[in-house]
Amino acid sequence: MSLHACLASMARLKAWRSLNPKPPIFFVFVIFSQLAQCILFSLSTWLHQYLFIILLNSSHRVLVRSKQAMEYTGIACATALMRISFPPFDRSFSFHPWIFFHTLSFTYSKVLALALPT
């Protein structure tokens, strides 16, 4: 590649880069005005009569969110532990009607109520 071709491509890149839009001048003023408003708001918050309540509420929100996250994590861990600890459900046990009703009668009445045919 010749030096002339390299310089030509560099000139094209510079020309293309100059076509990129630049932010308007008033954009800088908007940024500074927002910064000034933020500073003034933070200073007025420190002088606010309910500053303690504002701080308490904001800290309470953070603590509640972290507590909820810990609870969700704990529930997920406990569920995973139960899945690992307990043996798998035996799907091959018999669901015979006599056994099923016998179990139900003991569960609900604590008395064996089995109707035998006469």
N, C-alpha and C. Protein backbone atom coordinates (compact mmCIF):
# COMPACT_ATOMS: atom_id res chain seq x y z
N MET A 1 0.86 -1.17 0.00
CA MET A 1 0.00 0.00 0.00
C MET A 1 0.91 1.23 0.00
N SER A 2 0.57 2.16 -0.83
CA SER A 2 1.43 3.35 -0.95
C SER A 2 1.08 4.37 0.12
N LEU A 3 2.02 5.27 0.33
CA LEU A 3 1.82 6.33 1.32
C LEU A 3 0.69 7.26 0.92
N HIS A 4 0.56 7.50 -0.40
CA HIS A 4 -0.48 8.40 -0.90
C HIS A 4 -1.88 7.82 -0.60
N ALA A 5 -2.05 6.51 -0.77
CA ALA A 5 -3.34 5.87 -0.50
C ALA A 5 -3.66 5.91 0.99
N CYS A 6 -2.64 5.73 1.81
CA CYS A 6 -2.85 5.77 3.26
C CYS A 6 -3.26 7.16 3.71
N LEU A 7 -2.60 8.20 3.16
CA LEU A 7 -2.96 9.57 3.53
C LEU A 7 -4.36 9.92 3.05
N ALA A 8 -4.75 9.40 1.89
CA ALA A 8 -6.09 9.67 1.38
C ALA A 8 -7.14 9.04 2.29
N SER A 9 -6.88 7.82 2.75
CA SER A 9 -7.86 7.19 3.63
C SER A 9 -7.92 7.90 4.98
N MET A 10 -6.77 8.40 5.45
CA MET A 10 -6.78 9.17 6.71
C MET A 10 -7.59 10.45 6.55
N ALA A 11 -7.47 11.10 5.40
CA ALA A 11 -8.23 12.32 5.15
C ALA A 11 -9.72 12.01 5.12
N ARG A 12 -10.09 10.88 4.50
CA ARG A 12 -11.50 10.50 4.47
C ARG A 12 -12.04 10.23 5.88
N LEU A 13 -11.23 9.57 6.72
CA LEU A 13 -11.66 9.31 8.09
C LEU A 13 -11.85 10.59 8.88
N LYS A 14 -10.94 11.54 8.71
CA LYS A 14 -11.09 12.82 9.41
C LYS A 14 -12.33 13.56 8.94
N ALA A 15 -12.59 13.53 7.64
CA ALA A 15 -13.78 14.20 7.11
C ALA A 15 -15.05 13.52 7.63
N TRP A 16 -15.02 12.20 7.69
CA TRP A 16 -16.19 11.48 8.18
C TRP A 16 -16.42 11.75 9.66
N ARG A 17 -15.32 11.85 10.42
CA ARG A 17 -15.45 12.12 11.85
C ARG A 17 -16.00 13.52 12.10
N SER A 18 -15.69 14.45 11.25
CA SER A 18 -16.20 15.80 11.44
C SER A 18 -17.69 15.88 11.14
N LEU A 19 -18.24 14.87 10.46
CA LEU A 19 -19.68 14.86 10.17
C LEU A 19 -20.50 14.40 11.37
N ASN A 20 -19.87 13.83 12.37
CA ASN A 20 -20.60 13.40 13.55
C ASN A 20 -21.20 14.61 14.25
N PRO A 21 -22.47 14.52 14.64
CA PRO A 21 -23.09 15.69 15.28
C PRO A 21 -22.51 15.94 16.67
N LYS A 22 -22.38 17.19 17.00
CA LYS A 22 -21.90 17.58 18.33
C LYS A 22 -23.09 18.12 19.11
N PRO A 23 -23.10 17.95 20.40
CA PRO A 23 -24.23 18.48 21.17
C PRO A 23 -24.24 20.01 21.12
N PRO A 24 -25.42 20.59 21.16
CA PRO A 24 -25.50 22.05 21.13
C PRO A 24 -24.89 22.67 22.38
N ILE A 25 -24.59 23.94 22.30
CA ILE A 25 -23.93 24.65 23.40
C ILE A 25 -24.85 24.70 24.63
N PHE A 26 -26.16 24.89 24.44
CA PHE A 26 -27.05 25.00 25.60
C PHE A 26 -27.16 23.69 26.36
N PHE A 27 -26.74 22.59 25.76
CA PHE A 27 -26.76 21.30 26.44
C PHE A 27 -25.88 21.34 27.69
N VAL A 28 -24.75 22.02 27.61
CA VAL A 28 -23.85 22.17 28.76
C VAL A 28 -24.55 22.94 29.87
N PHE A 29 -25.30 23.98 29.49
CA PHE A 29 -26.02 24.77 30.50
C PHE A 29 -27.11 23.94 31.18
N VAL A 30 -27.76 23.07 30.42
CA VAL A 30 -28.78 22.20 31.01
C VAL A 30 -28.15 21.27 32.03
N ILE A 31 -27.00 20.71 31.71
CA ILE A 31 -26.32 19.81 32.64
C ILE A 31 -25.94 20.55 33.91
N PHE A 32 -25.39 21.76 33.77
CA PHE A 32 -25.00 22.52 34.96
C PHE A 32 -26.21 22.95 35.78
N SER A 33 -27.32 23.28 35.13
CA SER A 33 -28.51 23.67 35.90
C SER A 33 -29.07 22.47 36.66
N GLN A 34 -29.04 21.29 36.05
CA GLN A 34 -29.50 20.10 36.77
C GLN A 34 -28.60 19.78 37.95
N LEU A 35 -27.30 19.97 37.76
CA LEU A 35 -26.36 19.75 38.86
C LEU A 35 -26.63 20.73 40.00
N ALA A 36 -26.87 22.00 39.65
CA ALA A 36 -27.15 23.00 40.68
C ALA A 36 -28.45 22.66 41.42
N GLN A 37 -29.47 22.23 40.68
CA GLN A 37 -30.73 21.86 41.33
C GLN A 37 -30.54 20.67 42.26
N CYS A 38 -29.72 19.73 41.85
CA CYS A 38 -29.46 18.56 42.68
C CYS A 38 -28.75 18.97 43.97
N ILE A 39 -27.77 19.85 43.85
CA ILE A 39 -27.03 20.31 45.04
C ILE A 39 -27.95 21.08 45.96
N LEU A 40 -28.76 21.98 45.40
CA LEU A 40 -29.67 22.76 46.24
C LEU A 40 -30.71 21.86 46.91
N PHE A 41 -31.21 20.86 46.20
CA PHE A 41 -32.18 19.95 46.80
C PHE A 41 -31.55 19.17 47.94
N SER A 42 -30.31 18.70 47.75
CA SER A 42 -29.67 17.94 48.82
C SER A 42 -29.41 18.82 50.04
N LEU A 43 -29.06 20.09 49.82
CA LEU A 43 -28.86 21.00 50.96
C LEU A 43 -30.18 21.29 51.66
N SER A 44 -31.25 21.45 50.89
CA SER A 44 -32.54 21.73 51.53
C SER A 44 -33.07 20.50 52.27
N THR A 45 -32.68 19.32 51.82
CA THR A 45 -33.10 18.11 52.51
C THR A 45 -32.46 18.03 53.89
N TRP A 46 -31.21 18.43 53.99
CA TRP A 46 -30.53 18.39 55.29
C TRP A 46 -31.18 19.35 56.28
N LEU A 47 -31.78 20.41 55.77
CA LEU A 47 -32.41 21.38 56.66
C LEU A 47 -33.89 21.05 56.91
N HIS A 48 -34.38 20.03 56.31
CA HIS A 48 -35.80 19.69 56.41
C HIS A 48 -36.13 19.24 57.83
N GLN A 49 -37.33 19.62 58.30
CA GLN A 49 -37.70 19.27 59.67
C GLN A 49 -38.00 17.79 59.84
N TYR A 50 -38.32 17.11 58.76
CA TYR A 50 -38.61 15.68 58.82
C TYR A 50 -37.45 14.86 58.28
N LEU A 51 -36.24 15.36 58.43
CA LEU A 51 -35.07 14.66 57.90
C LEU A 51 -34.93 13.27 58.51
N PHE A 52 -35.16 13.16 59.80
CA PHE A 52 -35.02 11.87 60.47
C PHE A 52 -36.01 10.85 59.90
N ILE A 53 -37.23 11.30 59.64
CA ILE A 53 -38.25 10.40 59.08
C ILE A 53 -37.89 10.00 57.65
N ILE A 54 -37.37 10.96 56.87
CA ILE A 54 -36.96 10.66 55.50
C ILE A 54 -35.85 9.63 55.50
N LEU A 55 -34.86 9.81 56.36
CA LEU A 55 -33.75 8.86 56.43
C LEU A 55 -34.22 7.50 56.92
N LEU A 56 -35.12 7.51 57.90
CA LEU A 56 -35.63 6.25 58.43
C LEU A 56 -36.42 5.48 57.37
N ASN A 57 -37.26 6.19 56.62
CA ASN A 57 -38.04 5.53 55.57
C ASN A 57 -37.15 4.96 54.48
N SER A 58 -36.15 5.73 54.07
CA SER A 58 -35.28 5.24 53.00
C SER A 58 -34.45 4.05 53.47
N SER A 59 -33.97 4.10 54.72
CA SER A 59 -33.20 2.96 55.22
C SER A 59 -34.10 1.75 55.43
N HIS A 60 -35.36 2.00 55.82
CA HIS A 60 -36.30 0.89 56.01
C HIS A 60 -36.57 0.18 54.69
N ARG A 61 -36.71 0.96 53.60
CA ARG A 61 -36.93 0.34 52.29
C ARG A 61 -35.77 -0.56 51.90
N VAL A 62 -34.55 -0.08 52.13
CA VAL A 62 -33.37 -0.87 51.77
C VAL A 62 -33.31 -2.13 52.61
N LEU A 63 -33.58 -2.01 53.91
CA LEU A 63 -33.52 -3.17 54.79
C LEU A 63 -34.60 -4.19 54.45
N VAL A 64 -35.80 -3.70 54.13
CA VAL A 64 -36.89 -4.62 53.80
C VAL A 64 -36.57 -5.36 52.50
N ARG A 65 -36.03 -4.64 51.51
CA ARG A 65 -35.68 -5.30 50.25
C ARG A 65 -34.62 -6.36 50.47
N SER A 66 -33.62 -6.05 51.29
CA SER A 66 -32.56 -7.04 51.52
C SER A 66 -33.10 -8.22 52.32
N LYS A 67 -34.03 -7.94 53.27
CA LYS A 67 -34.62 -9.03 54.05
C LYS A 67 -35.46 -9.93 53.16
N GLN A 68 -36.23 -9.33 52.24
CA GLN A 68 -37.03 -10.14 51.32
C GLN A 68 -36.15 -10.98 50.42
N ALA A 69 -35.04 -10.40 49.97
CA ALA A 69 -34.12 -11.17 49.13
C ALA A 69 -33.54 -12.34 49.91
N MET A 70 -33.21 -12.11 51.19
CA MET A 70 -32.67 -13.20 52.01
C MET A 70 -33.73 -14.28 52.23
N GLU A 71 -35.00 -13.86 52.44
CA GLU A 71 -36.07 -14.84 52.64
C GLU A 71 -36.27 -15.68 51.39
N TYR A 72 -36.29 -15.01 50.23
CA TYR A 72 -36.46 -15.76 48.98
C TYR A 72 -35.31 -16.74 48.79
N THR A 73 -34.11 -16.30 49.10
CA THR A 73 -32.95 -17.19 48.98
C THR A 73 -33.07 -18.35 49.96
N GLY A 74 -33.50 -18.05 51.19
CA GLY A 74 -33.66 -19.11 52.18
C GLY A 74 -34.72 -20.11 51.79
N ILE A 75 -35.83 -19.62 51.24
CA ILE A 75 -36.90 -20.52 50.80
C ILE A 75 -36.39 -21.40 49.67
N ALA A 76 -35.66 -20.80 48.74
CA ALA A 76 -35.13 -21.58 47.62
C ALA A 76 -34.14 -22.63 48.11
N CYS A 77 -33.29 -22.24 49.08
CA CYS A 77 -32.32 -23.21 49.61
C CYS A 77 -33.03 -24.33 50.37
N ALA A 78 -34.05 -23.97 51.15
CA ALA A 78 -34.78 -25.00 51.90
C ALA A 78 -35.50 -25.95 50.96
N THR A 79 -36.07 -25.41 49.89
CA THR A 79 -36.75 -26.27 48.92
C THR A 79 -35.76 -27.20 48.24
N ALA A 80 -34.61 -26.65 47.88
CA ALA A 80 -33.59 -27.50 47.24
C ALA A 80 -33.10 -28.57 48.21
N LEU A 81 -32.96 -28.20 49.50
CA LEU A 81 -32.50 -29.17 50.49
C LEU A 81 -33.53 -30.28 50.68
N MET A 82 -34.82 -29.92 50.69
CA MET A 82 -35.85 -30.95 50.83
C MET A 82 -35.86 -31.87 49.62
N ARG A 83 -35.66 -31.31 48.45
CA ARG A 83 -35.65 -32.16 47.25
C ARG A 83 -34.48 -33.13 47.29
N ILE A 84 -33.37 -32.68 47.84
CA ILE A 84 -32.19 -33.53 47.90
C ILE A 84 -32.32 -34.54 49.03
N SER A 85 -32.85 -34.11 50.19
CA SER A 85 -32.84 -34.94 51.39
C SER A 85 -33.85 -36.08 51.35
N PHE A 86 -35.07 -35.80 50.89
CA PHE A 86 -36.11 -36.82 50.93
C PHE A 86 -35.98 -37.77 49.75
N PRO A 87 -36.34 -39.03 49.97
CA PRO A 87 -36.29 -39.98 48.85
C PRO A 87 -37.36 -39.64 47.83
N PRO A 88 -37.18 -40.06 46.60
CA PRO A 88 -38.19 -39.76 45.58
C PRO A 88 -39.50 -40.48 45.89
N PHE A 89 -40.57 -39.89 45.45
CA PHE A 89 -41.91 -40.43 45.68
C PHE A 89 -42.05 -41.76 44.93
N ASP A 90 -42.49 -42.76 45.63
CA ASP A 90 -42.62 -44.08 45.02
C ASP A 90 -43.93 -44.13 44.24
N ARG A 91 -43.82 -44.13 42.95
CA ARG A 91 -45.00 -44.10 42.09
C ARG A 91 -45.58 -45.49 41.86
N SER A 92 -44.94 -46.50 42.37
CA SER A 92 -45.41 -47.85 42.08
C SER A 92 -46.31 -48.42 43.17
N PHE A 93 -46.64 -47.62 44.21
CA PHE A 93 -47.48 -48.19 45.26
C PHE A 93 -48.91 -48.35 44.76
N SER A 94 -49.61 -49.29 45.35
CA SER A 94 -50.94 -49.64 44.88
C SER A 94 -51.96 -48.60 45.34
N PHE A 95 -52.82 -48.24 44.45
CA PHE A 95 -53.91 -47.33 44.80
C PHE A 95 -55.20 -48.13 44.82
N HIS A 96 -55.17 -49.25 45.50
CA HIS A 96 -56.34 -50.12 45.59
C HIS A 96 -57.45 -49.41 46.35
N PRO A 97 -58.70 -49.53 45.91
CA PRO A 97 -59.80 -48.81 46.58
C PRO A 97 -59.94 -49.15 48.06
N TRP A 98 -59.77 -50.41 48.44
CA TRP A 98 -59.93 -50.76 49.86
C TRP A 98 -58.87 -50.08 50.71
N ILE A 99 -57.65 -50.05 50.22
CA ILE A 99 -56.56 -49.41 50.97
C ILE A 99 -56.78 -47.91 51.05
N PHE A 100 -57.24 -47.34 49.94
CA PHE A 100 -57.47 -45.89 49.90
C PHE A 100 -58.55 -45.48 50.90
N PHE A 101 -59.69 -46.17 50.90
CA PHE A 101 -60.77 -45.82 51.83
C PHE A 101 -60.40 -46.14 53.27
N HIS A 102 -59.64 -47.19 53.47
CA HIS A 102 -59.17 -47.52 54.81
C HIS A 102 -58.30 -46.39 55.36
N THR A 103 -57.42 -45.86 54.53
CA THR A 103 -56.55 -44.76 54.95
C THR A 103 -57.38 -43.52 55.23
N LEU A 104 -58.35 -43.23 54.37
CA LEU A 104 -59.20 -42.06 54.59
C LEU A 104 -60.00 -42.19 55.88
N SER A 105 -60.52 -43.36 56.16
CA SER A 105 -61.32 -43.52 57.37
C SER A 105 -60.47 -43.31 58.62
N PHE A 106 -59.24 -43.75 58.60
CA PHE A 106 -58.36 -43.52 59.75
C PHE A 106 -57.94 -42.06 59.84
N THR A 107 -57.81 -41.43 58.72
CA THR A 107 -57.36 -40.05 58.73
C THR A 107 -58.41 -39.12 59.31
N TYR A 108 -59.66 -39.30 58.90
CA TYR A 108 -60.68 -38.33 59.28
C TYR A 108 -61.46 -38.71 60.54
N SER A 109 -61.62 -39.96 60.83
CA SER A 109 -62.46 -40.30 61.97
C SER A 109 -61.71 -40.96 63.11
N LYS A 110 -60.48 -41.35 62.88
CA LYS A 110 -59.68 -42.05 63.88
C LYS A 110 -60.32 -43.37 64.29
N VAL A 111 -61.35 -43.78 63.56
CA VAL A 111 -62.03 -45.04 63.82
C VAL A 111 -62.12 -45.79 62.50
N LEU A 112 -61.91 -47.06 62.55
CA LEU A 112 -62.00 -47.84 61.33
C LEU A 112 -63.47 -47.97 60.94
N ALA A 113 -63.85 -47.29 59.89
CA ALA A 113 -65.23 -47.34 59.41
C ALA A 113 -65.21 -47.99 58.04
N LEU A 114 -65.31 -49.26 58.03
CA LEU A 114 -65.23 -50.01 56.79
C LEU A 114 -66.56 -50.73 56.60
N ALA A 115 -67.24 -50.42 55.55
CA ALA A 115 -68.53 -51.06 55.28
C ALA A 115 -68.28 -52.36 54.56
N LEU A 116 -68.60 -53.44 55.23
CA LEU A 116 -68.42 -54.75 54.62
C LEU A 116 -69.74 -55.20 54.00
N PRO A 117 -69.68 -55.85 52.85
CA PRO A 117 -70.94 -56.33 52.24
C PRO A 117 -71.55 -57.45 53.07
N THR A 118 -72.89 -57.51 53.15
CA THR A 118 -73.58 -58.55 53.91
C THR A 118 -74.23 -59.56 53.02
